[in-house]
Structure formats: C-alpha cells, structure tokens
Amino acid sequence: MAHTEGTARRPTHSPLRPSWRCPACGILWPCSTAKLRLLGEYREDRPGLVTHLAAVQKEAEADLARLNPDVALPDLTPRFVGWAQAR
C-alpha cells in the first residue's frame, strides 16, 4: 500500500539508534517481531544470520558505550547472537 500524505506511518521493528530499542515495541532490539523477520530473511542461511547479528552487535556496543561511557556494558551476545545460533 502506498504512503499517502497525512497518513501516519507505523514505526518499523528496526533498531532505534543509539539506544538499540525497538521504536514499535519500546523493548530492547531485536524484539520478537524483528527476530521473526530476520529468521525469515535468513531462512536458508543461518550462518549468514549469525554473522550479520555479530556485526550489528559490534555497532550496538559502540553506540551504547558512547551513550553511557561510565557504565560497563553487559555481555550483549545472548541478546544479539545467542538466540539465532543453531541448536
């Protein structure tokens, strides 16, 4: 459907930087909807998904470190990569 003038656009489930929260849900990204979308996009390439998420994790670590320079970051691996690794 085309976007028309005056129609409000819904936020997507893409990360809002530098906070790395979902603008649609307000929760930490990747939210459940983003995870499902990513699994669909990388359906035939799980290693590619993990590689992509590892790169995104590095970006998030840099953004979050700049956002909160006096706070030690937790390990973001479970949030970004752990859920997508083959079981």
C-alpha atoms as a PDB file:
ATOM      1  CA  MET A   1       0.000   0.000   0.000  1.00  0.00           C
ATOM      2  CA  ALA A   2       1.361   3.421  -0.935  1.00  0.00           C
ATOM      3  CA  HIS A   3       2.046   6.022   1.702  1.00  0.00           C
ATOM      4  CA  THR A   4      -0.299   8.955   1.267  1.00  0.00           C
ATOM      5  CA  GLU A   5       0.016  12.487   2.527  1.00  0.00           C
ATOM      6  CA  GLY A   6      -1.433  12.863   6.017  1.00  0.00           C
ATOM      7  CA  THR A   7      -1.294   9.147   6.810  1.00  0.00           C
ATOM      8  CA  ALA A   8       0.767   8.351   9.895  1.00  0.00           C
ATOM      9  CA  ARG A   9       3.439   5.749   9.291  1.00  0.00           C
ATOM     10  CA  ARG A  10       3.828   2.992  11.830  1.00  0.00           C
ATOM     11  CA  PRO A  11       7.318   2.569  13.208  1.00  0.00           C
ATOM     12  CA  THR A  12       9.163  -0.486  11.983  1.00  0.00           C
ATOM     13  CA  HIS A  13      10.781  -3.086  14.180  1.00  0.00           C
ATOM     14  CA  SER A  14      14.255  -1.842  13.254  1.00  0.00           C
ATOM     15  CA  PRO A  15      16.631  -0.628  15.950  1.00  0.00           C
ATOM     16  CA  LEU A  16      16.375   2.955  17.100  1.00  0.00           C
ATOM     17  CA  ARG A  17      19.941   4.104  17.482  1.00  0.00           C
ATOM     18  CA  PRO A  18      21.814   4.843  19.697  1.00  0.00           C
ATOM     19  CA  SER A  19      19.521   3.265  22.315  1.00  0.00           C
ATOM     20  CA  TRP A  20      19.018  -0.005  20.405  1.00  0.00           C
ATOM     21  CA  ARG A  21      15.369  -0.201  21.368  1.00  0.00           C
ATOM     22  CA  CYS A  22      12.537  -1.096  19.035  1.00  0.00           C
ATOM     23  CA  PRO A  23      10.580   2.063  18.142  1.00  0.00           C
ATOM     24  CA  ALA A  24       7.429  -0.017  17.560  1.00  0.00           C
ATOM     25  CA  CYS A  25       7.531  -2.062  20.800  1.00  0.00           C
ATOM     26  CA  GLY A  26       9.790   0.011  23.013  1.00  0.00           C
ATOM     27  CA  ILE A  27      11.688  -3.078  24.145  1.00  0.00           C
ATOM     28  CA  LEU A  28      15.320  -3.959  23.606  1.00  0.00           C
ATOM     29  CA  TRP A  29      16.123  -4.756  19.986  1.00  0.00           C
ATOM     30  CA  PRO A  30      15.952  -7.308  18.483  1.00  0.00           C
ATOM     31  CA  CYS A  31      12.363  -7.646  19.630  1.00  0.00           C
ATOM     32  CA  SER A  32      10.316 -10.765  18.886  1.00  0.00           C
ATOM     33  CA  THR A  33       8.956  -9.307  15.648  1.00  0.00           C
ATOM     34  CA  ALA A  34      12.460  -8.372  14.460  1.00  0.00           C
ATOM     35  CA  LYS A  35      13.708 -11.864  15.308  1.00  0.00           C
ATOM     36  CA  LEU A  36      10.919 -13.461  13.278  1.00  0.00           C
ATOM     37  CA  ARG A  37      11.619 -11.143  10.345  1.00  0.00           C
ATOM     38  CA  LEU A  38      15.342 -11.901  10.480  1.00  0.00           C
ATOM     39  CA  LEU A  39      14.711 -15.644  10.678  1.00  0.00           C
ATOM     40  CA  GLY A  40      12.545 -15.341   7.582  1.00  0.00           C
ATOM     41  CA  GLU A  41      15.098 -13.274   5.701  1.00  0.00           C
ATOM     42  CA  TYR A  42      17.907 -15.697   6.526  1.00  0.00           C
ATOM     43  CA  ARG A  43      15.794 -18.879   6.365  1.00  0.00           C
ATOM     44  CA  GLU A  44      18.317 -20.668   4.151  1.00  0.00           C
ATOM     45  CA  ASP A  45      21.454 -19.079   5.663  1.00  0.00           C
ATOM     46  CA  ARG A  46      21.675 -19.418   9.449  1.00  0.00           C
ATOM     47  CA  PRO A  47      25.476 -18.797   9.442  1.00  0.00           C
ATOM     48  CA  GLY A  48      24.822 -15.593   7.483  1.00  0.00           C
ATOM     49  CA  LEU A  49      22.265 -14.515  10.077  1.00  0.00           C
ATOM     50  CA  VAL A  50      24.712 -15.098  12.923  1.00  0.00           C
ATOM     51  CA  THR A  51      27.438 -13.187  11.042  1.00  0.00           C
ATOM     52  CA  HIS A  52      25.049 -10.295  10.413  1.00  0.00           C
ATOM     53  CA  LEU A  53      23.965 -10.205  14.056  1.00  0.00           C
ATOM     54  CA  ALA A  54      27.573 -10.268  15.273  1.00  0.00           C
ATOM     55  CA  ALA A  55      28.305  -7.200  13.130  1.00  0.00           C
ATOM     56  CA  VAL A  56      25.158  -5.459  14.410  1.00  0.00           C
ATOM     57  CA  GLN A  57      26.199  -6.328  17.976  1.00  0.00           C
ATOM     58  CA  LYS A  58      29.530  -4.526  17.464  1.00  0.00           C
ATOM     59  CA  GLU A  59      27.641  -1.427  16.273  1.00  0.00           C
ATOM     60  CA  ALA A  60      25.353  -1.610  19.296  1.00  0.00           C
ATOM     61  CA  GLU A  61      28.286  -1.988  21.670  1.00  0.00           C
ATOM     62  CA  ALA A  62      29.908   1.141  20.226  1.00  0.00           C
ATOM     63  CA  ASP A  63      26.675   3.166  20.372  1.00  0.00           C
ATOM     64  CA  LEU A  64      25.816   2.060  23.893  1.00  0.00           C
ATOM     65  CA  ALA A  65      29.355   2.719  25.150  1.00  0.00           C
ATOM     66  CA  ARG A  66      29.168   6.281  23.778  1.00  0.00           C
ATOM     67  CA  LEU A  67      25.687   6.738  25.223  1.00  0.00           C
ATOM     68  CA  ASN A  68      26.741   5.563  28.708  1.00  0.00           C
ATOM     69  CA  PRO A  69      30.525   5.975  28.940  1.00  0.00           C
ATOM     70  CA  ASP A  70      30.621   5.489  32.730  1.00  0.00           C
ATOM     71  CA  VAL A  71      28.658   2.230  32.723  1.00  0.00           C
ATOM     72  CA  ALA A  72      30.186  -1.164  31.961  1.00  0.00           C
ATOM     73  CA  LEU A  73      28.240  -2.891  29.214  1.00  0.00           C
ATOM     74  CA  PRO A  74      26.801  -6.323  29.916  1.00  0.00           C
ATOM     75  CA  ASP A  75      27.612  -9.138  27.504  1.00  0.00           C
ATOM     76  CA  LEU A  76      25.315  -8.456  24.561  1.00  0.00           C
ATOM     77  CA  THR A  77      25.960 -11.812  22.881  1.00  0.00           C
ATOM     78  CA  PRO A  78      22.819 -13.561  24.206  1.00  0.00           C
ATOM     79  CA  ARG A  79      20.672 -10.624  23.108  1.00  0.00           C
ATOM     80  CA  PHE A  80      22.100 -10.273  19.606  1.00  0.00           C
ATOM     81  CA  VAL A  81      23.599 -13.604  18.580  1.00  0.00           C
ATOM     82  CA  GLY A  82      22.696 -16.273  21.122  1.00  0.00           C
ATOM     83  CA  TRP A  83      19.063 -16.632  20.120  1.00  0.00           C
ATOM     84  CA  ALA A  84      19.946 -17.188  16.457  1.00  0.00           C
ATOM     85  CA  GLN A  85      22.629 -19.852  16.839  1.00  0.00           C
ATOM     86  CA  ALA A  86      21.623 -23.309  15.672  1.00  0.00           C
ATOM     87  CA  ARG A  87      20.567 -25.579  18.481  1.00  0.00           C
END
